[in-house]
């Protein structure tokens, strides 16, 4: 009686593996191989012409130097700001700490192209700060917020989320008795934090710094939207080369960026495997906040903390305020001169205005649905079966997590700008489907990782009991495994959907006129002078921020209620 079910299960498993194998080969290995061919082969022969042209280009050389300088400066500034934030939240007694926590946590929900747009609204030629400065200095350049300085500024205040998540958690785990012992010997709180606490946090600070370095090197939205005409980083240089039709040079640059990113990733994994010890006491003394005795230092700490609060909240509050302002007020006034819902009505009633939002919703929904099906099948296969096939499947699906999105984008453009057998003889460049396909592979690694962890946490006796009662694999999954995975499935689907709504890197390379997403629309608005277009983009940012908050709250609720763990 059970043999047909077993056969059906094997057939289903085999078909699932074949479909995933086709997806991986067609849209991962084949594009990456094509990048290698574009970079090192010309007319079927090994060639160094692309490398020679890159080496001889002054713009490419400047973009490399710009990327290195911005990345290094970003790591320094993010660590300064991030460590200070963690200190005032957890170590020093600072008034209004809960409000500071809200402000310092905004990069977790206000990031990517939405955050860049928000800071652009504040500091651009039509921005709040620029209008105030022009009132005092009428001869100043209204386009002052461009170039490397603007990119580093935005990086600094959008990449400190790692410190809030990881460094703050590590600080809470240290043994406070060592700090108390130092203070009993007359060491000031500030000196104790620098000399005792920071060395204990060194491993997590190094890992966080590597994450920041990786993010800065691969940054695309900030240099593309704020760099201006003459400032290029590797990412924006790749985009420019693709636009010029020099896909060979773009491919080689993308490979260089991938090699650097892979080196940093491996370094980060080594740091993670070595770990670190923050306390050796058998009984830890919990962390307690320390008052700053020196009045001057206390004043400076409070002043800097509140200045950061303003910097973090200003883009959000100003964007929300001006999204309800009349169009003429947006480009003319420092503060909104009136209140209107016209921009929100336009987004939901005007087909052209709703287009980017509607496109992103449809694209994200398609990508998340397919990615969730692939990830669920792959995670269960990897968990239940060990061997070459499962190991290869896991390795392949994690490739997009290690390599830059630009490498995948350039590969897809190079591989599918002509009819391909992997696409059933179709040319995908310029079509609707290339962008959602890329979206699928961007979110799969996170899904597989989280679903795999959730499956590992389910008591195996539950599945064994169902098997002993004669339940088929599909029935066991539907009635036993799926209900236990439901919170995690909902969480990863919501997180992936949220990320794809504001996705920028792949979108800029792969969109066409029929599926312009929000990220591209926000980029166009950042370069526009029309009040109506700026107003609509503000509505987009507010909607993205609202959805991000909903996802974070839902994730917190799901993690609190998650069942089925051992």
Protein backbone atom coordinates (compact mmCIF):
# COMPACT_ATOMS: atom_id res chain seq x y z
CA UNK A 1 0.00 0.00 0.00
CA UNK A 2 2.88 2.37 0.69
CA UNK A 3 4.92 1.70 -2.45
CA UNK A 4 2.95 4.04 -4.75
CA UNK A 5 3.35 6.83 -2.18
CA UNK A 6 7.09 6.18 -1.94
CA UNK A 7 7.39 6.19 -5.73
CA UNK A 8 5.35 9.39 -5.98
CA UNK A 9 7.57 10.99 -3.35
CA UNK A 10 10.70 10.00 -5.25
CA UNK A 11 9.27 11.33 -8.50
CA UNK A 12 8.35 14.63 -6.85
CA UNK A 13 11.81 14.89 -5.25
CA UNK A 14 13.52 14.13 -8.54
CA UNK A 15 11.46 16.68 -10.47
CA UNK A 16 12.13 19.29 -7.77
CA UNK A 17 15.88 18.70 -8.00
CA UNK A 18 15.75 18.92 -11.81
CA UNK A 19 13.91 22.25 -11.71
CA UNK A 20 16.33 23.70 -9.15
CA UNK A 21 19.30 22.35 -11.13
CA UNK A 22 18.00 24.11 -14.25
CA UNK A 23 17.50 27.38 -12.33
CA UNK A 24 20.95 27.23 -10.75
CA UNK A 25 22.77 26.32 -13.97
CA UNK A 26 20.80 28.72 -16.18
CA UNK A 27 20.76 31.77 -13.91
CA UNK A 28 23.81 31.37 -11.69
CA UNK A 29 26.60 29.25 -13.19
CA UNK A 30 25.93 30.15 -16.82
CA UNK A 31 25.89 33.94 -16.23
CA UNK A 32 28.98 33.75 -14.01
CA UNK A 33 30.75 31.70 -16.68
CA UNK A 34 29.71 34.26 -19.27
CA UNK A 35 31.25 37.02 -17.13
CA UNK A 36 34.54 35.13 -17.18
CA UNK A 37 34.30 34.70 -20.94
CA UNK A 38 33.48 38.40 -21.46
CA UNK A 39 36.38 39.46 -19.23
CA UNK A 40 39.15 37.21 -20.55
CA UNK A 41 38.19 36.02 -24.03
CA UNK A 42 37.76 38.00 -27.26
CA UNK A 43 36.54 36.22 -30.40
CA UNK A 44 37.04 32.87 -28.70
CA UNK A 45 40.69 33.55 -27.77
CA UNK A 46 42.29 34.42 -24.46
CA UNK A 47 42.80 38.17 -24.36
CA UNK A 48 43.95 40.85 -21.93
CA UNK A 49 42.41 43.71 -23.92
CA UNK A 50 39.71 44.43 -21.32
CA UNK A 51 42.30 44.56 -18.55
CA UNK A 52 44.53 46.84 -20.62
CA UNK A 53 41.69 49.23 -21.37
CA UNK A 54 40.69 49.33 -17.70
CA UNK A 55 44.29 49.98 -16.64
CA UNK A 56 44.58 52.78 -19.20
CA UNK A 57 41.34 54.52 -18.18
CA UNK A 58 41.77 57.43 -15.80
CA UNK A 59 38.07 57.31 -14.85
CA UNK A 60 38.33 53.66 -13.85
CA UNK A 61 41.49 54.37 -11.85
CA UNK A 62 39.76 57.22 -10.03
CA UNK A 63 36.76 55.01 -9.32
CA UNK A 64 39.04 52.39 -7.73
CA UNK A 65 40.74 54.99 -5.55
CA UNK A 66 37.39 56.55 -4.66
CA UNK A 67 36.02 53.15 -3.65
CA UNK A 68 39.04 52.36 -1.48
CA UNK A 69 39.02 55.78 0.23
CA UNK A 70 35.26 55.80 0.80
CA UNK A 71 35.32 52.24 2.18
CA UNK A 72 38.16 52.96 4.62
CA UNK A 73 36.71 56.27 5.79
CA UNK A 74 33.26 54.67 6.13
CA UNK A 75 34.62 51.93 8.42
CA UNK A 76 36.27 54.59 10.63
CA UNK A 77 33.27 56.94 10.82
CA UNK A 78 30.71 54.15 11.29
CA UNK A 79 32.75 52.69 14.14
CA UNK A 80 33.13 56.07 15.83
CA UNK A 81 29.40 56.79 15.64
CA UNK A 82 28.32 53.19 16.29
CA UNK A 83 30.52 52.67 19.35
CA UNK A 84 29.38 56.00 20.76
CA UNK A 85 25.75 55.00 20.25
CA UNK A 86 26.24 51.68 22.04
CA UNK A 87 28.04 53.45 24.89
CA UNK A 88 25.28 56.00 25.52
CA UNK A 89 22.59 53.34 25.23
CA UNK A 90 24.11 50.69 27.49
CA UNK A 91 27.14 51.99 29.44
CA UNK A 92 26.67 55.65 30.36
CA UNK A 93 23.68 57.26 32.01
CA UNK A 94 22.20 59.57 29.39
CA UNK A 95 18.83 61.28 29.61
CA UNK A 96 16.11 60.23 27.14
CA UNK A 97 17.95 56.99 26.31
CA UNK A 98 14.72 55.29 25.05
CA UNK A 99 14.24 58.08 22.50
CA UNK A 100 17.88 57.74 21.46
CA UNK A 101 17.35 54.01 20.97
CA UNK A 102 14.45 54.70 18.61
CA UNK A 103 16.54 57.15 16.59
CA UNK A 104 19.65 54.97 16.49
CA UNK A 105 17.58 51.96 15.39
CA UNK A 106 16.15 53.72 12.31
CA UNK A 107 18.80 52.23 9.94
CA UNK A 108 17.17 48.86 10.57
CA UNK A 109 13.96 50.03 8.84
CA UNK A 110 15.18 53.05 6.88
CA UNK A 111 17.92 51.83 4.57
CA UNK A 112 18.99 51.29 0.98
CA UNK A 113 17.56 53.57 -1.67
CA UNK A 114 14.80 54.86 0.64
CA UNK A 115 17.34 56.15 3.16
CA UNK A 116 19.50 57.71 0.45
CA UNK A 117 16.39 59.45 -0.91
CA UNK A 118 15.50 60.66 2.58
CA UNK A 119 18.93 62.20 3.18
CA UNK A 120 18.79 63.68 -0.31
CA UNK A 121 15.49 65.37 0.57
CA UNK A 122 17.17 67.01 3.57
CA UNK A 123 20.49 68.11 2.07
CA UNK A 124 19.95 68.40 -1.70
CA UNK A 125 19.47 71.65 -3.60
CA UNK A 126 15.76 71.61 -2.66
CA UNK A 127 16.40 70.15 0.80
CA UNK A 128 15.45 71.52 4.19
CA UNK A 129 19.01 72.18 5.40
CA UNK A 130 20.12 73.71 2.11
CA UNK A 131 17.18 76.14 2.14
CA UNK A 132 18.10 77.22 5.68
CA UNK A 133 21.76 77.66 4.70
CA UNK A 134 20.84 79.66 1.59
CA UNK A 135 18.88 82.02 3.83
CA UNK A 136 22.10 82.73 5.73
CA UNK A 137 24.61 82.29 2.89
CA UNK A 138 22.78 83.23 -0.34
CA UNK A 139 25.90 82.84 -2.48
CA UNK A 140 26.63 79.25 -1.46
CA UNK A 141 26.41 76.40 -3.98
CA UNK A 142 22.99 74.72 -3.53
CA UNK A 143 24.46 71.49 -4.92
CA UNK A 144 27.03 71.19 -2.13
CA UNK A 145 25.77 67.78 -0.97
CA UNK A 146 27.36 65.66 -3.70
CA UNK A 147 30.48 63.61 -4.23
CA UNK A 148 32.50 61.51 -1.83
CA UNK A 149 31.60 63.59 1.22
CA UNK A 150 27.88 63.02 0.69
CA UNK A 151 28.40 59.29 0.10
CA UNK A 152 30.46 58.88 3.30
CA UNK A 153 27.93 60.92 5.29
CA UNK A 154 25.04 58.70 4.19
CA UNK A 155 27.10 55.54 4.74
CA UNK A 156 27.95 56.67 8.26
CA UNK A 157 24.34 57.06 9.33
CA UNK A 158 22.85 54.11 7.45
CA UNK A 159 25.39 51.40 8.39
CA UNK A 160 25.40 51.72 12.18
CA UNK A 161 22.58 49.19 12.41
CA UNK A 162 25.23 46.46 12.75
CA UNK A 163 26.43 48.07 15.99
CA UNK A 164 22.90 48.29 17.36
CA UNK A 165 22.29 44.62 16.57
CA UNK A 166 25.62 42.96 17.38
CA UNK A 167 27.93 45.24 19.39
CA UNK A 168 25.13 46.29 21.74
CA UNK A 169 24.22 42.63 22.36
CA UNK A 170 27.88 41.78 23.07
CA UNK A 171 28.24 44.71 25.47
CA UNK A 172 25.29 43.44 27.50
CA UNK A 173 27.11 40.12 28.03
CA UNK A 174 30.36 41.45 29.52
CA UNK A 175 31.19 40.91 33.19
CA UNK A 176 30.72 44.31 34.83
CA UNK A 177 32.81 43.31 37.86
CA UNK A 178 35.99 44.04 35.89
CA UNK A 179 34.76 47.57 35.24
CA UNK A 180 33.78 48.00 38.89
CA UNK A 181 37.23 46.84 39.99
CA UNK A 182 38.87 49.46 37.75
CA UNK A 183 36.53 52.19 38.95
CA UNK A 184 37.31 51.30 42.59
CA UNK A 185 40.94 52.09 41.77
CA UNK A 186 39.99 55.56 40.55
CA UNK A 187 39.61 54.90 36.82
CA UNK A 188 37.02 57.22 35.24
CA UNK A 189 33.99 55.69 33.44
CA UNK A 190 35.18 56.97 30.05
CA UNK A 191 38.65 55.53 30.56
CA UNK A 192 37.20 52.25 31.80
CA UNK A 193 35.07 51.99 28.66
CA UNK A 194 38.05 52.66 26.38
CA UNK A 195 40.67 50.60 28.22
CA UNK A 196 38.57 47.68 29.50
CA UNK A 197 35.28 47.37 27.64
CA UNK A 198 36.44 48.01 24.05
CA UNK A 199 39.22 45.35 24.16
CA UNK A 200 36.60 42.84 25.36
CA UNK A 201 34.44 43.79 22.37
CA UNK A 202 37.31 43.54 19.87
CA UNK A 203 36.16 40.30 18.14
CA UNK A 204 32.62 41.53 17.49
CA UNK A 205 33.92 44.98 16.49
CA UNK A 206 36.21 43.37 13.93
CA UNK A 207 33.39 41.26 12.51
CA UNK A 208 31.11 44.30 12.39
CA UNK A 209 33.83 46.37 10.70
CA UNK A 210 34.16 43.71 8.00
CA UNK A 211 30.41 43.82 7.40
CA UNK A 212 30.59 47.62 7.08
CA UNK A 213 33.60 47.34 4.75
CA UNK A 214 31.73 44.84 2.58
CA UNK A 215 28.67 47.10 2.47
CA UNK A 216 30.74 50.19 1.59
CA UNK A 217 32.63 48.43 -1.20
CA UNK A 218 29.38 47.19 -2.75
CA UNK A 219 27.45 50.41 -2.15
CA UNK A 220 25.51 51.43 -5.22
CA UNK A 221 22.52 53.60 -4.29
CA UNK A 222 24.55 56.28 -2.47
CA UNK A 223 27.26 56.88 -5.11
CA UNK A 224 24.76 56.59 -7.95
CA UNK A 225 22.26 59.08 -6.47
CA UNK A 226 24.63 61.42 -4.61
CA UNK A 227 27.94 61.10 -6.44
CA UNK A 228 27.20 63.72 -9.06
CA UNK A 229 28.66 63.77 -12.56
CA UNK A 230 32.33 63.38 -11.68
CA UNK A 231 32.36 61.00 -8.70
CA UNK A 232 32.39 57.29 -9.48
CA UNK A 233 32.87 54.21 -7.35
CA UNK A 234 33.34 50.70 -8.75
CA UNK A 235 29.59 50.05 -8.67
CA UNK A 236 28.62 53.20 -10.56
CA UNK A 237 31.55 52.67 -12.95
CA UNK A 238 30.21 49.20 -13.80
CA UNK A 239 26.80 50.73 -14.52
CA UNK A 240 28.38 53.36 -16.78
CA UNK A 241 30.37 50.74 -18.71
CA UNK A 242 27.27 48.59 -19.25
CA UNK A 243 25.40 51.67 -20.53
CA UNK A 244 28.27 52.29 -22.98
CA UNK A 245 28.08 48.71 -24.21
CA UNK A 246 31.49 47.78 -22.77
CA UNK A 247 30.29 44.64 -21.03
CA UNK A 248 33.79 43.11 -21.19
CA UNK A 249 35.25 45.90 -19.07
CA UNK A 250 32.19 45.89 -16.80
CA UNK A 251 32.56 42.12 -16.36
CA UNK A 252 36.21 42.43 -15.35
CA UNK A 253 35.41 45.17 -12.83
CA UNK A 254 32.57 43.06 -11.44
CA UNK A 255 34.97 40.13 -11.06
CA UNK A 256 37.44 42.36 -9.23
CA UNK A 257 34.70 43.50 -6.86
CA UNK A 258 33.61 39.88 -6.39
CA UNK A 259 37.17 38.79 -5.55
CA UNK A 260 37.50 41.55 -2.94
CA UNK A 261 34.08 40.74 -1.47
CA UNK A 262 34.89 37.02 -1.32
CA UNK A 263 38.19 37.73 0.47
CA UNK A 264 36.40 39.86 3.06
CA UNK A 265 33.69 37.23 3.45
CA UNK A 266 36.26 34.48 4.10
CA UNK A 267 38.10 36.73 6.54
CA UNK A 268 34.81 37.38 8.32
CA UNK A 269 34.07 33.65 8.54
CA UNK A 270 37.54 33.08 10.02
CA UNK A 271 36.95 35.78 12.63
CA UNK A 272 33.56 34.24 13.40
CA UNK A 273 35.04 30.75 13.82
CA UNK A 274 37.75 32.02 16.18
CA UNK A 275 35.19 33.89 18.27
CA UNK A 276 36.13 35.68 21.45
CA UNK A 277 35.74 35.54 25.20
CA UNK A 278 34.10 38.45 26.96
CA UNK A 279 34.08 37.04 30.50
CA UNK A 280 35.70 34.22 32.42
CA UNK A 281 33.88 34.71 35.71
CA UNK A 282 31.76 31.83 36.97
CA UNK A 283 29.11 34.29 38.11
CA UNK A 284 28.79 37.38 35.93
CA UNK A 285 27.96 40.76 37.34
CA UNK A 286 25.26 42.35 35.14
CA UNK A 287 26.04 45.52 33.25
CA UNK A 288 24.96 48.69 35.00
CA UNK A 289 24.95 52.17 33.55
CA UNK A 290 27.56 54.55 34.91
CA UNK A 291 27.11 58.28 35.53
CA UNK A 292 29.69 60.64 33.98
CA UNK A 293 31.13 62.65 36.86
CA UNK A 294 32.99 65.25 34.80
CA UNK A 295 30.44 68.03 33.97
CA UNK A 296 32.17 69.02 30.71
CA UNK A 297 32.42 65.47 29.39
CA UNK A 298 28.84 64.81 30.48
CA UNK A 299 27.68 67.88 28.56
CA UNK A 300 29.63 66.92 25.44
CA UNK A 301 28.32 63.35 25.50
CA UNK A 302 24.72 64.55 25.82
CA UNK A 303 25.19 67.20 23.12
CA UNK A 304 26.68 64.73 20.64
CA UNK A 305 24.00 62.14 21.41
CA UNK A 306 21.18 64.62 20.78
CA UNK A 307 22.90 65.89 17.62
CA UNK A 308 22.93 62.31 16.31
CA UNK A 309 19.26 61.99 17.24
CA UNK A 310 18.46 64.98 15.03
CA UNK A 311 20.57 63.64 12.15
CA UNK A 312 18.86 60.25 12.25
CA UNK A 313 15.29 61.48 12.64
CA UNK A 314 15.46 64.52 10.33
CA UNK A 315 15.27 62.58 7.00
CA UNK A 316 12.28 60.58 8.21
CA UNK A 317 10.33 63.43 9.79
CA UNK A 318 11.03 65.90 6.98
CA UNK A 319 10.13 63.36 4.30
CA UNK A 320 6.85 62.57 6.04
CA UNK A 321 6.05 66.27 6.58
CA UNK A 322 6.74 67.32 3.00
CA UNK A 323 4.89 64.31 1.56
CA UNK A 324 1.74 66.14 2.78
CA UNK A 325 2.88 69.58 1.56
CA UNK A 326 1.72 71.32 -1.65
CA UNK A 327 4.06 70.79 -4.58
CA UNK A 328 5.19 74.41 -4.79
CA UNK A 329 6.07 74.39 -1.09
CA UNK A 330 8.45 71.46 -1.53
CA UNK A 331 10.88 73.37 -3.77
CA UNK A 332 10.28 76.81 -2.27
CA UNK A 333 9.84 76.63 1.51
CA UNK A 334 12.05 75.41 4.33
CA UNK A 335 8.93 74.21 6.15
CA UNK A 336 5.63 72.96 4.66
CA UNK A 337 3.24 75.83 3.97
CA UNK A 338 0.11 73.71 3.92
CA UNK A 339 -1.40 70.24 4.18
CA UNK A 340 -2.72 68.11 1.33
CA UNK A 341 -3.41 64.47 0.54
CA UNK A 342 -3.12 65.08 -3.20
CA UNK A 343 0.20 63.25 -3.56
CA UNK A 344 -1.08 60.13 -1.81
CA UNK A 345 -4.28 60.24 -3.85
CA UNK A 346 -2.19 60.58 -7.02
CA UNK A 347 -0.07 57.54 -6.18
CA UNK A 348 -3.11 55.31 -5.72
CA UNK A 349 -5.33 56.79 -8.44
CA UNK A 350 -2.95 57.82 -11.23
CA UNK A 351 -1.68 54.89 -13.29
CA UNK A 352 1.62 56.56 -14.09
CA UNK A 353 2.31 57.51 -10.46
CA UNK A 354 1.23 54.09 -9.15
CA UNK A 355 3.29 52.30 -11.81
CA UNK A 356 6.62 51.89 -9.93
CA UNK A 357 4.85 50.94 -6.68
CA UNK A 358 2.58 48.47 -8.48
CA UNK A 359 5.52 47.02 -10.43
CA UNK A 360 7.55 46.50 -7.26
CA UNK A 361 4.61 44.87 -5.50
CA UNK A 362 4.05 42.43 -8.38
CA UNK A 363 7.76 41.71 -8.90
CA UNK A 364 8.37 41.16 -5.19
CA UNK A 365 5.32 38.91 -4.87
CA UNK A 366 6.37 36.75 -7.82
CA UNK A 367 9.97 36.49 -6.64
CA UNK A 368 9.09 35.70 -3.02
CA UNK A 369 6.55 33.02 -4.02
CA UNK A 370 9.00 31.18 -6.29
CA UNK A 371 11.97 31.67 -3.95
CA UNK A 372 9.96 30.38 -1.00
CA UNK A 373 8.97 27.21 -2.87
CA UNK A 374 12.57 26.58 -3.98
CA UNK A 375 14.02 27.38 -0.54
CA UNK A 376 11.55 25.21 1.34
CA UNK A 377 12.22 22.25 -0.92
CA UNK A 378 15.99 22.81 -0.77
CA UNK A 379 16.10 23.30 3.02
CA UNK A 380 14.18 20.08 3.62
CA UNK A 381 16.35 18.18 1.16
CA UNK A 382 19.57 19.52 2.73
CA UNK A 383 18.29 18.72 6.22
CA UNK A 384 17.02 15.21 5.48
CA UNK A 385 19.70 13.94 3.13
CA UNK A 386 23.46 14.27 3.37
CA UNK A 387 25.71 13.68 0.41
CA UNK A 388 27.17 15.21 -2.72
CA UNK A 389 23.82 16.32 -4.14
CA UNK A 390 22.70 18.06 -0.95
CA UNK A 391 26.12 19.66 -0.39
CA UNK A 392 26.21 20.90 -3.97
CA UNK A 393 22.66 22.24 -3.65
CA UNK A 394 23.50 24.13 -0.47
CA UNK A 395 26.73 25.56 -1.93
CA UNK A 396 25.00 26.69 -5.13
CA UNK A 397 22.11 28.44 -3.41
CA UNK A 398 24.48 30.39 -1.16
CA UNK A 399 26.52 31.79 -4.06
CA UNK A 400 24.41 35.00 -4.35
CA UNK A 401 25.12 35.72 -0.67
CA UNK A 402 28.87 35.88 -1.30
CA UNK A 403 29.12 37.48 -4.73
CA UNK A 404 28.01 41.08 -5.43
CA UNK A 405 24.63 41.59 -7.06
CA UNK A 406 26.33 43.56 -9.84
CA UNK A 407 28.25 40.46 -10.91
CA UNK A 408 24.99 38.54 -11.30
CA UNK A 409 23.41 41.47 -13.15
CA UNK A 410 26.30 41.84 -15.59
CA UNK A 411 26.34 38.07 -16.12
CA UNK A 412 22.63 37.93 -16.89
CA UNK A 413 22.94 40.81 -19.35
CA UNK A 414 25.91 39.19 -21.10
CA UNK A 415 24.41 35.70 -21.18
CA UNK A 416 20.89 36.56 -22.30
CA UNK A 417 21.29 39.45 -24.74
CA UNK A 418 20.80 36.86 -27.50
CA UNK A 419 18.62 33.74 -27.81
CA UNK A 420 19.80 31.08 -25.36
CA UNK A 421 18.94 27.39 -25.03
CA UNK A 422 18.71 27.85 -21.25
CA UNK A 423 15.85 30.29 -21.87
CA UNK A 424 14.22 28.03 -24.48
CA UNK A 425 15.57 30.08 -27.35
CA UNK A 426 14.38 33.42 -25.95
CA UNK A 427 16.30 36.69 -25.50
CA UNK A 428 15.67 37.81 -21.92
CA UNK A 429 17.48 41.15 -21.96
CA UNK A 430 14.80 43.80 -22.39
CA UNK A 431 12.08 41.40 -21.30
CA UNK A 432 9.91 41.57 -18.20
CA UNK A 433 11.23 38.34 -16.64
CA UNK A 434 14.96 38.91 -16.19
CA UNK A 435 14.47 41.21 -13.16
CA UNK A 436 12.16 38.89 -11.15
CA UNK A 437 14.50 35.98 -11.92
CA UNK A 438 17.39 37.94 -10.41
CA UNK A 439 15.20 38.89 -7.44
CA UNK A 440 14.55 35.20 -6.77
CA UNK A 441 18.22 34.37 -6.39
CA UNK A 442 18.94 37.40 -4.21
CA UNK A 443 16.49 36.30 -1.49
CA UNK A 444 17.01 32.53 -1.66
CA UNK A 445 20.16 32.41 0.57
CA UNK A 446 18.41 34.09 3.53
CA UNK A 447 15.38 31.85 3.12
CA UNK A 448 17.42 28.64 2.98
CA UNK A 449 19.48 29.70 5.99
CA UNK A 450 16.51 30.59 8.20
CA UNK A 451 14.31 27.69 7.09
CA UNK A 452 17.19 25.30 7.64
CA UNK A 453 17.72 26.63 11.15
CA UNK A 454 13.99 26.29 11.85
CA UNK A 455 13.94 22.69 10.58
CA UNK A 456 16.92 21.89 12.80
CA UNK A 457 14.95 23.14 15.79
CA UNK A 458 11.93 20.87 15.22
CA UNK A 459 11.84 17.75 17.37
CA UNK A 460 12.50 14.82 14.96
CA UNK A 461 10.27 12.58 17.07
CA UNK A 462 7.26 14.47 15.70
CA UNK A 463 8.01 13.39 12.15
CA UNK A 464 8.98 9.89 13.28
CA UNK A 465 5.63 9.49 15.04
CA UNK A 466 3.78 10.45 11.86
CA UNK A 467 5.85 7.99 9.83
CA UNK A 468 5.17 5.18 12.32
CA UNK A 469 1.44 5.78 11.88
CA UNK A 470 1.75 5.35 8.12
CA UNK A 471 1.38 9.00 7.11
CA UNK A 472 2.80 9.88 3.70
CA UNK A 473 5.67 12.42 3.43
CA UNK A 474 3.34 15.04 1.95
CA UNK A 475 0.74 14.47 4.69
CA UNK A 476 3.44 14.72 7.40
CA UNK A 477 4.68 17.95 5.89
CA UNK A 478 1.20 19.44 5.57
CA UNK A 479 -0.07 18.48 9.03
CA UNK A 480 3.11 18.38 11.13
CA UNK A 481 6.07 20.29 9.66
CA UNK A 482 4.30 23.16 7.89
CA UNK A 483 2.38 24.41 10.98
CA UNK A 484 5.63 24.47 12.96
CA UNK A 485 7.44 26.31 10.15
CA UNK A 486 4.59 28.75 9.50
CA UNK A 487 5.94 31.61 11.68
CA UNK A 488 9.39 31.37 10.08
CA UNK A 489 7.92 31.10 6.58
CA UNK A 490 5.85 34.22 7.22
CA UNK A 491 8.88 36.01 8.65
CA UNK A 492 11.29 35.27 5.79
CA UNK A 493 8.59 36.01 3.22
CA UNK A 494 7.88 39.39 4.80
CA UNK A 495 11.58 40.25 5.19
CA UNK A 496 12.36 39.27 1.60
CA UNK A 497 9.32 41.12 0.27
CA UNK A 498 10.41 44.22 2.18
CA UNK A 499 13.97 44.02 0.82
CA UNK A 500 12.79 43.60 -2.75
CA UNK A 501 10.42 46.57 -2.60
CA UNK A 502 13.39 48.91 -2.24
CA UNK A 503 15.96 46.80 -4.16
CA UNK A 504 18.21 49.00 -6.23
CA UNK A 505 21.33 47.28 -7.57
CA UNK A 506 19.72 44.61 -9.76
CA UNK A 507 16.80 46.88 -10.61
CA UNK A 508 18.96 49.57 -12.22
CA UNK A 509 20.68 47.03 -14.47
CA UNK A 510 17.77 44.78 -15.41
CA UNK A 511 14.54 46.80 -15.50
CA UNK A 512 12.74 47.74 -18.70
CA UNK A 513 10.01 50.20 -19.56
CA UNK A 514 7.28 47.75 -18.54
CA UNK A 515 8.51 47.01 -15.02
CA UNK A 516 10.19 50.15 -13.67
CA UNK A 517 10.51 49.44 -9.91
CA UNK A 518 10.52 51.80 -6.93
CA UNK A 519 14.30 51.88 -6.65
CA UNK A 520 14.69 53.23 -10.18
CA UNK A 521 11.82 55.71 -9.68
CA UNK A 522 13.50 57.06 -6.53
CA UNK A 523 16.79 57.42 -8.39
CA UNK A 524 15.07 59.38 -11.16
CA UNK A 525 13.38 61.61 -8.58
CA UNK A 526 16.72 62.31 -6.87
CA UNK A 527 17.98 63.79 -10.15
CA UNK A 528 14.76 65.66 -10.96
CA UNK A 529 13.84 69.29 -10.31
CA UNK A 530 10.09 68.92 -10.83
CA UNK A 531 8.11 69.41 -7.63
CA UNK A 532 5.46 66.84 -8.49
CA UNK A 533 8.01 64.10 -9.13
CA UNK A 534 9.83 64.90 -5.88
CA UNK A 535 6.52 64.84 -3.99
CA UNK A 536 5.55 61.45 -5.41
CA UNK A 537 8.96 60.03 -4.48
CA UNK A 538 8.43 61.26 -0.91
CA UNK A 539 5.18 59.31 -0.80
CA UNK A 540 7.07 56.23 -2.03
CA UNK A 541 9.61 56.61 0.80
CA UNK A 542 6.88 57.00 3.43
CA UNK A 543 5.11 53.89 2.14
CA UNK A 544 8.37 51.91 2.17
CA UNK A 545 9.11 53.06 5.71
CA UNK A 546 5.60 52.13 6.84
CA UNK A 547 5.87 48.65 5.42
CA UNK A 548 9.33 48.19 6.97
CA UNK A 549 7.94 49.07 10.39
CA UNK A 550 5.11 46.59 9.92
CA UNK A 551 7.62 43.87 8.99
CA UNK A 552 9.82 44.59 12.02
CA UNK A 553 6.83 44.51 14.38
CA UNK A 554 5.53 41.32 12.80
CA UNK A 555 8.98 39.73 13.04
CA UNK A 556 9.18 40.61 16.72
CA UNK A 557 5.73 39.13 17.34
CA UNK A 558 6.49 35.96 15.38
CA UNK A 559 9.82 35.42 17.13
CA UNK A 560 8.09 35.78 20.49
CA UNK A 561 5.32 33.30 19.58
CA UNK A 562 7.41 30.84 17.55
CA UNK A 563 6.49 27.26 18.42
CA UNK A 564 8.05 23.92 17.72
CA UNK A 565 11.57 24.40 19.01
CA UNK A 566 13.44 21.99 21.19
